[in-house]
Amino acid sequence: MDVLVAKPTTHLVQSIEADEVRIRTLTTGRDVRLAARSNTLTVPTSGVAATYLQANLLILPSRYAADFRLLCARNPVPCPLIGESAETGAYGSIKSNIPGLPDSRILADADIRRDAPRYNVYHDAKLVKQGCLDITEEWTEDHVAFLVGCSFSFETALTVAGLTPRHTVLGRNVPMYRTNIPLCPAGVFTGSTYVVSMRSYKASDIEKVREITRGYNATHGEPIAWGWSALENLGIVDIDIPQWGDSPLTEDGRRLSEAKDSDDDVPVFWGCGVTPQEAVMVSGIKGTVMAHAPGHMLLLDCTNSDIA
């Protein structure tokens, strides 16, 4: 069956082009945060402010903070903990969890309630708001924010090596999938599984991709699986239907599944910082939890060279 793709209108093309020009002016983590705070940046952040660290965000009632720290410690690949609120209720100051990196290098001049382009809100472990522009109404003095590493952070190194991720080239969000790989449980966080992000590469480039990303342990490190056989091993039913992000495409715009017999488009999977949001939903914890909308990350003041 043929797939019909609607052609963008002239107005939409002009809008996208304007967004691209605006994004190119955002050269630091602080630039991105201020743009998100003013709602002039509301799109996914892959490729934005190259070299600056990007972070997943999870904000919990304080009674769950110790269990979440333990979850990250037991599952460092999908949940590498970069930092957390300097104290309960603090939305403008973060303490570092990276050895040798001072708190001041992580994040300054911040308002975590408004500095990601979009957010999700959960109540009693159920998603009640999706893609909202801020969480000022939901934040309380009892909340603790956690920053978890993001694989967008090593995409600059891949791009420098001539391995620019396809979703960045096409202006799409990275595809993310629920898997059958169990998380090591911690306190209230039990029964959940890894979430993975996917980027496709030529089979001949995968070893180079592994080598480049291996040094970024604070942002998920090297891939955990690759190849078409990995779908069955990970429990991914359909590569064309991710649970989060946009459907993956070939370079010429076809569904990725149509390249299954080709060595030019091989799926490669990394641990993903949406894993904590999945853990929240599975756990059934009570109260209000907030997070970034997948792909819409919080930009930090530290750079790749601080953690690689």
Protein backbone atom coordinates (compact mmCIF):
# COMPACT_ATOMS: atom_id res chain seq x y z
CA MET A 1 0.00 0.00 0.00
CA ASP A 2 1.36 3.42 -0.96
CA VAL A 3 2.02 5.89 1.83
CA LEU A 4 0.76 9.41 1.08
CA VAL A 5 2.89 12.18 2.48
CA ALA A 6 1.37 15.64 2.67
CA LYS A 7 3.50 18.39 1.15
CA PRO A 8 4.23 21.25 3.54
CA THR A 9 2.59 24.58 2.75
CA THR A 10 4.69 27.63 1.87
CA HIS A 11 3.78 29.15 5.25
CA LEU A 12 4.91 26.01 7.09
CA VAL A 13 8.20 25.87 5.16
CA GLN A 14 8.87 29.52 5.99
CA SER A 15 8.08 28.85 9.67
CA ILE A 16 10.48 25.88 9.78
CA GLU A 17 13.21 27.91 8.08
CA ALA A 18 12.72 30.74 10.61
CA ASP A 19 13.03 28.24 13.47
CA GLU A 20 16.28 26.90 12.01
CA VAL A 21 17.75 30.40 11.73
CA ARG A 22 16.71 31.19 15.32
CA ILE A 23 18.19 27.95 16.64
CA ARG A 24 21.56 28.66 14.98
CA THR A 25 21.88 31.79 17.12
CA LEU A 26 21.71 29.69 20.31
CA THR A 27 25.36 28.86 20.90
CA THR A 28 25.52 28.16 24.66
CA GLY A 29 23.49 26.22 27.19
CA ARG A 30 22.39 29.50 28.78
CA ASP A 31 21.19 30.80 25.38
CA VAL A 32 18.99 27.74 25.01
CA ARG A 33 17.58 27.98 28.53
CA LEU A 34 16.66 31.63 28.08
CA ALA A 35 15.00 30.88 24.74
CA ALA A 36 13.00 28.07 26.33
CA ARG A 37 12.12 30.29 29.30
CA SER A 38 10.65 32.90 26.95
CA ASN A 39 8.90 30.19 24.86
CA THR A 40 10.83 31.15 21.73
CA LEU A 41 12.33 27.64 21.64
CA THR A 42 9.71 24.90 21.87
CA VAL A 43 11.16 22.19 19.58
CA PRO A 44 13.44 19.17 20.20
CA THR A 45 17.02 20.09 21.08
CA SER A 46 19.07 17.59 19.06
CA GLY A 47 21.91 19.54 17.44
CA VAL A 48 21.22 22.73 19.41
CA ALA A 49 24.21 24.53 21.06
CA ALA A 50 26.75 21.96 19.91
CA THR A 51 29.20 20.67 22.58
CA TYR A 52 27.00 21.73 25.52
CA LEU A 53 25.70 18.93 27.71
CA GLN A 54 21.99 18.13 27.49
CA ALA A 55 20.07 16.54 30.34
CA ASN A 56 16.91 14.57 30.92
CA LEU A 57 14.85 15.95 33.77
CA LEU A 58 12.82 14.15 36.44
CA ILE A 59 11.21 16.02 39.34
CA LEU A 60 9.87 13.98 42.26
CA PRO A 61 8.24 14.53 45.63
CA SER A 62 11.09 14.45 48.17
CA ARG A 63 9.92 11.18 49.76
CA TYR A 64 10.97 9.32 46.57
CA ALA A 65 14.36 11.03 46.15
CA ALA A 66 16.46 8.42 47.96
CA ASP A 67 14.89 5.57 46.00
CA PHE A 68 15.53 7.36 42.72
CA ARG A 69 19.19 7.99 43.58
CA LEU A 70 19.50 4.27 44.24
CA LEU A 71 17.75 3.44 40.96
CA CYS A 72 20.31 5.55 39.09
CA ALA A 73 23.22 3.97 40.96
CA ARG A 74 21.98 0.47 40.12
CA ASN A 75 21.21 1.31 36.47
CA PRO A 76 23.94 3.71 35.31
CA VAL A 77 23.55 3.02 31.58
CA PRO A 78 19.95 4.24 31.10
CA CYS A 79 20.01 6.51 34.20
CA PRO A 80 23.41 8.23 34.54
CA LEU A 81 22.84 10.82 37.28
CA ILE A 82 24.51 14.18 36.52
CA GLY A 83 23.10 16.29 39.34
CA GLU A 84 20.12 17.18 41.52
CA SER A 85 18.52 20.11 43.32
CA ALA A 86 20.94 21.66 45.79
CA GLU A 87 18.18 21.33 48.36
CA THR A 88 14.53 20.29 48.42
CA GLY A 89 12.39 22.84 46.62
CA ALA A 90 15.33 24.50 44.85
CA TYR A 91 14.61 25.07 41.15
CA GLY A 92 17.49 27.45 40.45
CA SER A 93 20.52 25.61 41.87
CA ILE A 94 21.96 22.18 41.16
CA LYS A 95 24.66 20.15 42.90
CA SER A 96 26.97 18.08 40.75
CA ASN A 97 27.08 14.30 40.76
CA ILE A 98 30.10 14.18 38.41
CA PRO A 99 33.42 13.73 40.25
CA GLY A 100 35.70 16.73 39.81
CA LEU A 101 33.03 18.93 38.23
CA PRO A 102 31.98 21.75 40.59
CA ASP A 103 28.36 22.70 41.09
CA SER A 104 28.92 26.07 39.41
CA ARG A 105 29.91 24.37 36.15
CA ILE A 106 26.71 22.34 35.91
CA LEU A 107 24.04 25.01 35.88
CA ALA A 108 23.80 28.71 36.74
CA ASP A 109 21.13 31.35 36.12
CA ALA A 110 18.51 28.63 35.85
CA ASP A 111 14.82 28.10 36.43
CA ILE A 112 14.20 24.39 35.97
CA ARG A 113 10.44 25.03 35.92
CA ARG A 114 10.73 26.96 32.64
CA ASP A 115 14.12 26.22 31.05
CA ALA A 116 13.27 23.09 29.05
CA PRO A 117 11.37 23.67 25.79
CA ARG A 118 8.50 21.36 26.83
CA TYR A 119 7.46 19.24 29.82
CA ASN A 120 5.33 16.27 30.81
CA VAL A 121 3.36 16.12 34.06
CA TYR A 122 2.28 12.93 35.85
CA HIS A 123 -0.21 12.60 38.70
CA ASP A 124 -0.35 9.35 40.64
CA ALA A 125 1.90 7.80 37.94
CA LYS A 126 -0.42 8.75 35.07
CA LEU A 127 0.45 11.24 32.34
CA VAL A 128 -1.93 14.19 32.72
CA LYS A 129 -0.13 16.92 30.74
CA GLN A 130 2.01 16.39 27.67
CA GLY A 131 4.30 18.91 26.01
CA CYS A 132 3.40 21.89 28.21
CA LEU A 133 5.66 24.95 28.12
CA ASP A 134 6.36 25.26 31.85
CA ILE A 135 5.63 23.62 35.19
CA THR A 136 5.43 26.66 37.46
CA GLU A 137 1.96 25.71 38.71
CA GLU A 138 2.96 22.15 39.56
CA TRP A 139 6.26 22.88 41.34
CA THR A 140 6.17 22.88 45.15
CA GLU A 141 8.68 23.35 47.94
CA ASP A 142 8.65 19.56 48.39
CA HIS A 143 9.98 18.74 44.91
CA VAL A 144 13.51 17.58 44.04
CA ALA A 145 14.84 17.84 40.47
CA PHE A 146 17.20 15.22 39.05
CA LEU A 147 19.35 15.66 35.92
CA VAL A 148 20.09 12.48 33.98
CA GLY A 149 22.55 12.28 31.08
CA CYS A 150 21.25 12.49 27.50
CA SER A 151 22.61 10.88 24.35
CA PHE A 152 22.09 14.14 22.42
CA SER A 153 25.28 15.21 24.17
CA PHE A 154 27.53 12.88 22.15
CA GLU A 155 25.86 13.69 18.83
CA THR A 156 28.30 16.57 18.30
CA ALA A 157 31.21 14.11 18.36
CA LEU A 158 29.38 11.86 15.90
CA THR A 159 28.73 14.83 13.62
CA VAL A 160 32.38 15.92 13.69
CA ALA A 161 33.30 12.40 12.61
CA GLY A 162 30.92 12.63 9.64
CA LEU A 163 28.28 10.48 11.33
CA THR A 164 25.50 13.03 11.87
CA PRO A 165 22.40 11.26 13.25
CA ARG A 166 19.62 10.94 10.69
CA HIS A 167 16.96 12.57 12.87
CA THR A 168 19.10 15.71 13.13
CA VAL A 169 19.58 15.88 9.37
CA LEU A 170 15.84 15.48 8.77
CA GLY A 171 14.78 17.85 11.57
CA ARG A 172 12.94 15.11 13.46
CA ASN A 173 12.90 13.86 17.05
CA VAL A 174 14.94 10.77 17.88
CA PRO A 175 12.84 7.56 18.03
CA MET A 176 12.61 5.92 21.48
CA TYR A 177 11.32 2.47 22.33
CA ARG A 178 10.16 0.53 25.37
CA THR A 179 12.14 -2.72 25.76
CA ASN A 180 11.99 -5.98 27.71
CA ILE A 181 15.31 -5.37 29.49
CA PRO A 182 14.51 -5.19 33.24
CA LEU A 183 15.84 -2.41 35.42
CA CYS A 184 17.49 -3.40 38.66
CA PRO A 185 14.78 -2.34 41.16
CA ALA A 186 15.25 0.25 43.90
CA GLY A 187 12.70 0.97 46.61
CA VAL A 188 9.36 1.95 45.06
CA PHE A 189 10.79 1.69 41.56
CA THR A 190 10.17 -1.93 40.63
CA GLY A 191 9.02 -3.85 37.57
CA SER A 192 10.23 -1.36 34.96
CA THR A 193 12.37 -1.83 31.87
CA TYR A 194 14.92 0.10 29.81
CA VAL A 195 13.88 2.65 27.24
CA VAL A 196 16.29 2.94 24.30
CA SER A 197 16.93 5.58 21.65
CA MET A 198 17.79 4.54 18.09
CA ARG A 199 20.00 5.94 15.34
CA SER A 200 20.59 4.01 12.12
CA TYR A 201 24.02 3.71 10.51
CA LYS A 202 25.80 1.82 7.77
CA ALA A 203 27.02 -1.54 9.03
CA SER A 204 30.58 -0.50 8.18
CA ASP A 205 30.32 2.55 10.49
CA ILE A 206 28.99 0.84 13.61
CA GLU A 207 32.38 0.05 15.13
CA LYS A 208 33.39 3.71 14.74
CA VAL A 209 30.09 4.82 16.30
CA ARG A 210 30.74 2.51 19.25
CA GLU A 211 34.25 3.85 19.70
CA ILE A 212 33.16 7.51 19.63
CA THR A 213 30.30 7.15 22.10
CA ARG A 214 32.11 4.76 24.47
CA GLY A 215 33.79 7.61 26.34
CA TYR A 216 30.51 9.33 27.24
CA ASN A 217 29.47 7.26 30.23
CA ALA A 218 27.71 10.25 31.80
CA THR A 219 25.43 10.38 28.75
CA HIS A 220 24.70 6.63 28.27
CA GLY A 221 28.00 5.59 26.68
CA GLU A 222 28.25 3.18 23.77
CA PRO A 223 25.24 1.38 22.26
CA ILE A 224 23.79 -1.62 24.06
CA ALA A 225 22.58 -3.38 20.90
CA TRP A 226 22.66 -3.07 17.11
CA GLY A 227 21.48 -4.93 14.04
CA TRP A 228 18.02 -6.04 12.91
CA SER A 229 18.15 -9.09 15.18
CA ALA A 230 18.33 -6.69 18.14
CA LEU A 231 14.64 -5.85 17.74
CA GLU A 232 13.58 -9.31 18.87
CA ASN A 233 16.18 -9.37 21.64
CA LEU A 234 14.96 -6.01 22.97
CA GLY A 235 11.28 -6.83 22.56
CA ILE A 236 10.67 -4.09 19.99
CA VAL A 237 7.68 -5.12 17.87
CA ASP A 238 7.84 -2.52 15.08
CA ILE A 239 10.83 -0.28 14.30
CA ASP A 240 8.48 2.14 12.50
CA ILE A 241 6.33 2.75 15.59
CA PRO A 242 8.38 4.14 18.52
CA GLN A 243 6.66 4.83 21.83
CA TRP A 244 8.26 8.30 21.97
CA GLY A 245 9.73 10.62 19.34
CA ASP A 246 9.26 10.44 15.56
CA SER A 247 9.21 7.38 13.33
CA PRO A 248 12.65 6.69 11.84
CA LEU A 249 13.20 7.23 8.13
CA THR A 250 15.80 6.30 5.56
CA GLU A 251 17.88 9.04 3.97
CA ASP A 252 15.43 9.24 1.07
CA GLY A 253 12.38 9.45 3.37
CA ARG A 254 11.12 5.86 3.36
CA ARG A 255 10.10 3.90 6.44
CA LEU A 256 13.18 2.39 8.05
CA SER A 257 11.67 -1.10 7.91
CA GLU A 258 11.93 -0.93 4.11
CA ALA A 259 15.73 -0.98 4.47
CA LYS A 260 15.76 -4.17 6.52
CA ASP A 261 17.82 -6.14 3.99
CA SER A 262 20.33 -3.33 3.43
CA ASP A 263 23.64 -2.69 5.20
CA ASP A 264 23.11 1.05 4.66
CA ASP A 265 20.52 1.42 7.45
CA VAL A 266 21.21 -0.74 10.48
CA PRO A 267 19.44 0.20 13.75
CA VAL A 268 21.73 1.02 16.67
CA PHE A 269 20.31 1.33 20.20
CA TRP A 270 21.47 3.29 23.25
CA GLY A 271 20.18 3.50 26.81
CA CYS A 272 17.75 6.43 27.07
CA GLY A 273 16.94 8.97 29.78
CA VAL A 274 13.20 8.53 29.22
CA THR A 275 13.68 5.36 31.28
CA PRO A 276 12.93 7.24 34.55
CA GLN A 277 9.55 8.40 33.20
CA GLU A 278 8.70 4.83 32.31
CA ALA A 279 9.78 3.77 35.82
CA VAL A 280 7.44 6.38 37.33
CA MET A 281 4.45 5.11 35.35
CA VAL A 282 5.15 1.46 36.18
CA SER A 283 5.81 2.14 39.87
CA GLY A 284 2.41 3.67 40.60
CA ILE A 285 3.90 6.28 42.93
CA LYS A 286 1.57 8.96 44.32
CA GLY A 287 1.69 12.70 43.90
CA THR A 288 2.83 15.02 41.13
CA VAL A 289 5.92 14.15 39.08
CA MET A 290 7.31 16.35 36.31
CA ALA A 291 9.77 15.70 33.51
CA HIS A 292 11.02 17.05 30.20
CA ALA A 293 8.98 16.07 27.16
CA PRO A 294 11.09 13.41 25.40
CA GLY A 295 13.56 15.07 23.04
CA HIS A 296 13.10 18.53 24.62
CA MET A 297 16.11 18.62 26.89
CA LEU A 298 17.51 20.95 29.55
CA LEU A 299 20.78 22.49 28.31
CA LEU A 300 23.59 22.81 30.88
CA ASP A 301 26.63 25.07 31.23
CA CYS A 302 29.19 22.26 31.12
CA THR A 303 30.42 20.82 27.84
CA ASN A 304 31.28 17.41 26.43
CA SER A 305 34.93 17.91 27.31
CA ASP A 306 33.96 18.13 30.99
CA ILE A 307 32.59 14.58 31.04
CA ALA A 308 34.12 12.61 28.14
